[in-house]
C-alpha cells in the first residue's frame, strides 16, 4: 500500500498513463535529431511502464522493484532534460 492505495492499482494507473502518452507527445522541432525525437516520443511512456512494473514487482522482489524505480527515474530525468532543452531553444 502507498498512501492507502494498493500497489497493483497504482501499477495499473501507471500503465494507463503510459498508454495515453504513446499517442500524446511533445512536438519536436524540425532541426532536432532523430534520437531527440525518439526520446521525446518514447521515454515518457517507458518511464511510466517502469514505474508500473515496479509497483507490481514490489511484493515479489523488493530489490527488483527498487531497481526498476531507479531506472524509471533516470529515464524520466533524461526525458525532462531534453524536453526543457527544446523549450529553451524554441525561443
N, C-alpha and C. Protein backbone atom coordinates (compact mmCIF):
# COMPACT_ATOMS: atom_id res chain seq x y z
N UNK A 1 0.84 -1.18 0.00
CA UNK A 1 0.00 0.00 0.00
C UNK A 1 0.89 1.25 0.00
N UNK A 2 0.48 2.22 -0.78
CA UNK A 2 1.16 3.51 -0.83
C UNK A 2 0.08 4.57 -0.72
N UNK A 3 0.13 5.36 0.34
CA UNK A 3 -0.89 6.37 0.62
C UNK A 3 -2.29 5.76 0.68
N UNK A 4 -2.37 4.54 1.18
CA UNK A 4 -3.64 3.85 1.31
C UNK A 4 -4.17 3.23 0.03
N UNK A 5 -3.39 3.29 -1.04
CA UNK A 5 -3.81 2.73 -2.33
C UNK A 5 -3.01 1.46 -2.58
N UNK A 6 -3.67 0.37 -2.94
CA UNK A 6 -2.93 -0.87 -3.23
C UNK A 6 -1.97 -0.69 -4.42
N UNK A 7 -0.80 -1.27 -4.30
CA UNK A 7 0.21 -1.10 -5.34
C UNK A 7 -0.22 -1.64 -6.71
N UNK A 8 -0.95 -2.74 -6.81
CA UNK A 8 -1.40 -3.15 -8.15
C UNK A 8 -2.30 -2.09 -8.81
N UNK A 9 -3.09 -1.38 -8.03
CA UNK A 9 -3.93 -0.32 -8.59
C UNK A 9 -3.05 0.83 -9.10
N UNK A 10 -2.02 1.16 -8.35
CA UNK A 10 -1.08 2.20 -8.79
C UNK A 10 -0.38 1.76 -10.07
N UNK A 11 0.04 0.49 -10.13
CA UNK A 11 0.68 -0.03 -11.34
C UNK A 11 -0.25 0.04 -12.54
N UNK A 12 -1.52 -0.30 -12.34
CA UNK A 12 -2.49 -0.25 -13.43
C UNK A 12 -2.66 1.18 -13.93
N UNK A 13 -2.74 2.15 -13.03
CA UNK A 13 -2.87 3.56 -13.41
C UNK A 13 -1.62 4.01 -14.17
N UNK A 14 -0.45 3.56 -13.75
CA UNK A 14 0.79 3.90 -14.46
C UNK A 14 0.76 3.37 -15.89
N UNK A 15 0.23 2.17 -16.08
CA UNK A 15 0.14 1.61 -17.43
C UNK A 15 -0.85 2.39 -18.30
N UNK A 16 -1.92 2.85 -17.70
CA UNK A 16 -2.88 3.67 -18.44
C UNK A 16 -2.24 4.99 -18.86
N UNK A 17 -1.49 5.61 -17.96
CA UNK A 17 -0.79 6.86 -18.29
C UNK A 17 0.21 6.62 -19.42
N UNK A 18 0.93 5.51 -19.35
CA UNK A 18 1.89 5.17 -20.41
C UNK A 18 1.18 5.02 -21.75
N UNK A 19 0.03 4.36 -21.75
CA UNK A 19 -0.72 4.17 -23.00
C UNK A 19 -1.20 5.50 -23.56
N UNK A 20 -1.61 6.40 -22.71
CA UNK A 20 -2.06 7.72 -23.16
C UNK A 20 -0.90 8.47 -23.80
N UNK A 21 0.26 8.43 -23.17
CA UNK A 21 1.39 9.20 -23.68
C UNK A 21 2.08 8.55 -24.88
N UNK A 22 1.65 7.39 -25.29
CA UNK A 22 2.13 6.85 -26.57
C UNK A 22 1.54 7.67 -27.71
N UNK A 23 0.30 8.13 -27.51
CA UNK A 23 -0.38 8.90 -28.56
C UNK A 23 -0.24 10.40 -28.39
N UNK A 24 -0.05 10.88 -27.17
CA UNK A 24 0.14 12.30 -26.90
C UNK A 24 1.62 12.51 -26.66
N UNK A 25 2.24 13.34 -27.48
CA UNK A 25 3.67 13.55 -27.31
C UNK A 25 4.00 15.01 -27.61
N UNK A 26 5.12 15.48 -27.07
CA UNK A 26 5.54 16.85 -27.36
C UNK A 26 5.92 17.00 -28.83
N UNK A 27 5.70 18.16 -29.36
CA UNK A 27 6.09 18.44 -30.74
C UNK A 27 7.60 18.66 -30.79
N UNK A 28 8.25 18.02 -31.74
CA UNK A 28 9.69 18.19 -31.89
C UNK A 28 9.96 19.27 -32.92
N UNK A 29 11.05 19.91 -32.78
CA UNK A 29 11.45 20.93 -33.74
C UNK A 29 12.04 20.24 -34.96
N UNK A 30 11.89 20.84 -36.14
CA UNK A 30 12.41 20.20 -37.35
C UNK A 30 13.92 19.95 -37.30
N UNK A 31 14.67 20.81 -36.61
CA UNK A 31 16.12 20.62 -36.57
C UNK A 31 16.57 19.65 -35.48
N UNK A 32 15.63 19.09 -34.72
CA UNK A 32 16.03 18.14 -33.69
C UNK A 32 16.46 16.82 -34.34
N UNK A 33 17.33 16.13 -33.67
CA UNK A 33 17.87 14.89 -34.22
C UNK A 33 16.85 13.76 -34.12
N UNK A 34 17.12 12.69 -34.82
CA UNK A 34 16.27 11.50 -34.75
C UNK A 34 16.23 10.96 -33.33
N UNK A 35 17.40 10.93 -32.69
CA UNK A 35 17.48 10.41 -31.33
C UNK A 35 16.69 11.28 -30.36
N UNK A 36 16.75 12.60 -30.56
CA UNK A 36 15.98 13.50 -29.70
C UNK A 36 14.49 13.30 -29.86
N UNK A 37 14.02 13.13 -31.09
CA UNK A 37 12.61 12.87 -31.32
C UNK A 37 12.18 11.53 -30.75
N UNK A 38 13.06 10.55 -30.83
CA UNK A 38 12.80 9.23 -30.28
C UNK A 38 12.64 9.31 -28.76
N UNK A 39 13.54 10.03 -28.12
CA UNK A 39 13.46 10.18 -26.67
C UNK A 39 12.18 10.89 -26.27
N UNK A 40 11.85 11.99 -26.97
CA UNK A 40 10.64 12.72 -26.62
C UNK A 40 9.38 11.89 -26.83
N UNK A 41 9.40 11.00 -27.79
CA UNK A 41 8.20 10.20 -28.04
C UNK A 41 8.07 9.02 -27.08
N UNK A 42 9.14 8.31 -26.81
CA UNK A 42 9.04 7.03 -26.11
C UNK A 42 9.47 7.05 -24.65
N UNK A 43 10.37 7.92 -24.23
CA UNK A 43 10.92 7.83 -22.88
C UNK A 43 9.89 8.16 -21.80
N UNK A 44 8.95 9.05 -22.08
CA UNK A 44 7.94 9.37 -21.08
C UNK A 44 7.08 8.13 -20.81
N UNK A 45 6.65 7.46 -21.87
CA UNK A 45 5.86 6.24 -21.70
C UNK A 45 6.68 5.13 -21.05
N UNK A 46 7.94 5.01 -21.46
CA UNK A 46 8.80 3.99 -20.88
C UNK A 46 8.97 4.19 -19.37
N UNK A 47 9.11 5.44 -18.95
CA UNK A 47 9.25 5.72 -17.52
C UNK A 47 8.00 5.25 -16.77
N UNK A 48 6.80 5.52 -17.30
CA UNK A 48 5.58 5.11 -16.63
C UNK A 48 5.42 3.59 -16.63
N UNK A 49 5.86 2.94 -17.68
CA UNK A 49 5.82 1.47 -17.69
C UNK A 49 6.76 0.92 -16.62
N UNK A 50 7.92 1.50 -16.48
CA UNK A 50 8.86 1.05 -15.44
C UNK A 50 8.30 1.30 -14.04
N UNK A 51 7.64 2.44 -13.83
CA UNK A 51 7.02 2.72 -12.53
C UNK A 51 5.91 1.71 -12.23
N UNK A 52 5.09 1.41 -13.22
CA UNK A 52 4.02 0.45 -13.03
C UNK A 52 4.54 -0.95 -12.77
N UNK A 53 5.58 -1.33 -13.49
CA UNK A 53 6.18 -2.64 -13.28
C UNK A 53 6.80 -2.73 -11.89
N UNK A 54 7.41 -1.66 -11.44
CA UNK A 54 7.97 -1.64 -10.09
C UNK A 54 6.88 -1.82 -9.04
N UNK A 55 5.72 -1.22 -9.27
CA UNK A 55 4.61 -1.38 -8.33
C UNK A 55 4.14 -2.83 -8.27
N UNK A 56 4.08 -3.49 -9.42
CA UNK A 56 3.64 -4.89 -9.43
C UNK A 56 4.70 -5.82 -8.82
N UNK A 57 5.97 -5.54 -9.03
CA UNK A 57 7.02 -6.42 -8.53
C UNK A 57 7.40 -6.15 -7.08
N UNK A 58 6.86 -5.14 -6.47
CA UNK A 58 7.27 -4.76 -5.12
C UNK A 58 7.05 -5.90 -4.13
N UNK A 59 5.96 -6.59 -4.27
CA UNK A 59 5.68 -7.66 -3.30
C UNK A 59 6.53 -8.90 -3.57
N UNK A 60 6.82 -9.20 -4.83
CA UNK A 60 7.60 -10.39 -5.17
C UNK A 60 9.08 -10.20 -4.92
N UNK A 61 9.61 -9.07 -5.32
CA UNK A 61 11.04 -8.81 -5.17
C UNK A 61 11.25 -7.32 -4.94
N UNK A 62 11.47 -6.97 -3.69
CA UNK A 62 11.63 -5.56 -3.34
C UNK A 62 12.86 -4.97 -4.01
N UNK A 63 13.94 -5.72 -4.13
CA UNK A 63 15.16 -5.22 -4.76
C UNK A 63 14.93 -4.93 -6.24
N UNK A 64 14.22 -5.81 -6.94
CA UNK A 64 13.90 -5.58 -8.34
C UNK A 64 13.01 -4.35 -8.51
N UNK A 65 12.05 -4.18 -7.61
CA UNK A 65 11.17 -3.02 -7.67
C UNK A 65 11.96 -1.73 -7.49
N UNK A 66 12.90 -1.72 -6.58
CA UNK A 66 13.73 -0.52 -6.36
C UNK A 66 14.60 -0.25 -7.59
N UNK A 67 15.16 -1.30 -8.18
CA UNK A 67 15.98 -1.12 -9.38
C UNK A 67 15.14 -0.56 -10.53
N UNK A 68 13.92 -1.09 -10.72
CA UNK A 68 13.04 -0.58 -11.77
C UNK A 68 12.66 0.87 -11.52
N UNK A 69 12.43 1.20 -10.27
CA UNK A 69 12.09 2.58 -9.92
C UNK A 69 13.24 3.53 -10.22
N UNK A 70 14.45 3.13 -9.89
CA UNK A 70 15.62 3.97 -10.17
C UNK A 70 15.83 4.14 -11.67
N UNK A 71 15.72 3.05 -12.42
CA UNK A 71 15.85 3.14 -13.88
C UNK A 71 14.75 4.05 -14.44
N UNK A 72 13.54 3.92 -13.93
CA UNK A 72 12.44 4.77 -14.37
C UNK A 72 12.71 6.24 -14.09
N UNK A 73 13.28 6.53 -12.93
CA UNK A 73 13.61 7.92 -12.61
C UNK A 73 14.70 8.47 -13.53
N UNK A 74 15.68 7.65 -13.88
CA UNK A 74 16.73 8.09 -14.80
C UNK A 74 16.14 8.35 -16.19
N UNK A 75 15.29 7.44 -16.65
CA UNK A 75 14.65 7.62 -17.96
C UNK A 75 13.81 8.89 -17.96
N UNK A 76 13.06 9.11 -16.89
CA UNK A 76 12.21 10.31 -16.81
C UNK A 76 13.06 11.57 -16.75
N UNK A 77 14.20 11.52 -16.06
CA UNK A 77 15.09 12.69 -15.98
C UNK A 77 15.67 13.02 -17.36
N UNK A 78 16.03 12.00 -18.13
CA UNK A 78 16.54 12.24 -19.49
C UNK A 78 15.45 12.87 -20.35
N UNK A 79 14.22 12.37 -20.22
CA UNK A 79 13.10 12.94 -20.97
C UNK A 79 12.88 14.41 -20.61
N UNK A 80 12.83 14.71 -19.32
CA UNK A 80 12.61 16.09 -18.86
C UNK A 80 13.74 17.00 -19.32
N UNK A 81 14.97 16.54 -19.25
CA UNK A 81 16.12 17.35 -19.67
C UNK A 81 16.00 17.72 -21.15
N UNK A 82 15.70 16.75 -21.99
CA UNK A 82 15.58 17.02 -23.42
C UNK A 82 14.35 17.88 -23.71
N UNK A 83 13.27 17.64 -23.01
CA UNK A 83 12.05 18.42 -23.20
C UNK A 83 12.30 19.89 -22.86
N UNK A 84 12.97 20.13 -21.75
CA UNK A 84 13.26 21.52 -21.35
C UNK A 84 14.27 22.18 -22.28
N UNK A 85 15.24 21.42 -22.76
CA UNK A 85 16.20 21.98 -23.72
C UNK A 85 15.49 22.41 -25.00
N UNK A 86 14.52 21.64 -25.44
CA UNK A 86 13.77 22.01 -26.64
C UNK A 86 12.92 23.25 -26.39
N UNK A 87 12.37 23.38 -25.19
CA UNK A 87 11.57 24.57 -24.87
C UNK A 87 12.43 25.81 -24.82
N UNK A 88 13.64 25.70 -24.27
CA UNK A 88 14.54 26.85 -24.15
C UNK A 88 15.03 27.29 -25.52
N UNK A 89 15.39 26.35 -26.37
CA UNK A 89 15.93 26.71 -27.69
C UNK A 89 14.83 27.16 -28.65
N UNK A 90 13.58 26.97 -28.29
CA UNK A 90 12.47 27.36 -29.14
C UNK A 90 12.31 28.88 -29.18
N UNK A 91 12.73 29.54 -28.13
CA UNK A 91 12.52 31.00 -28.01
C UNK A 91 13.42 31.78 -28.92
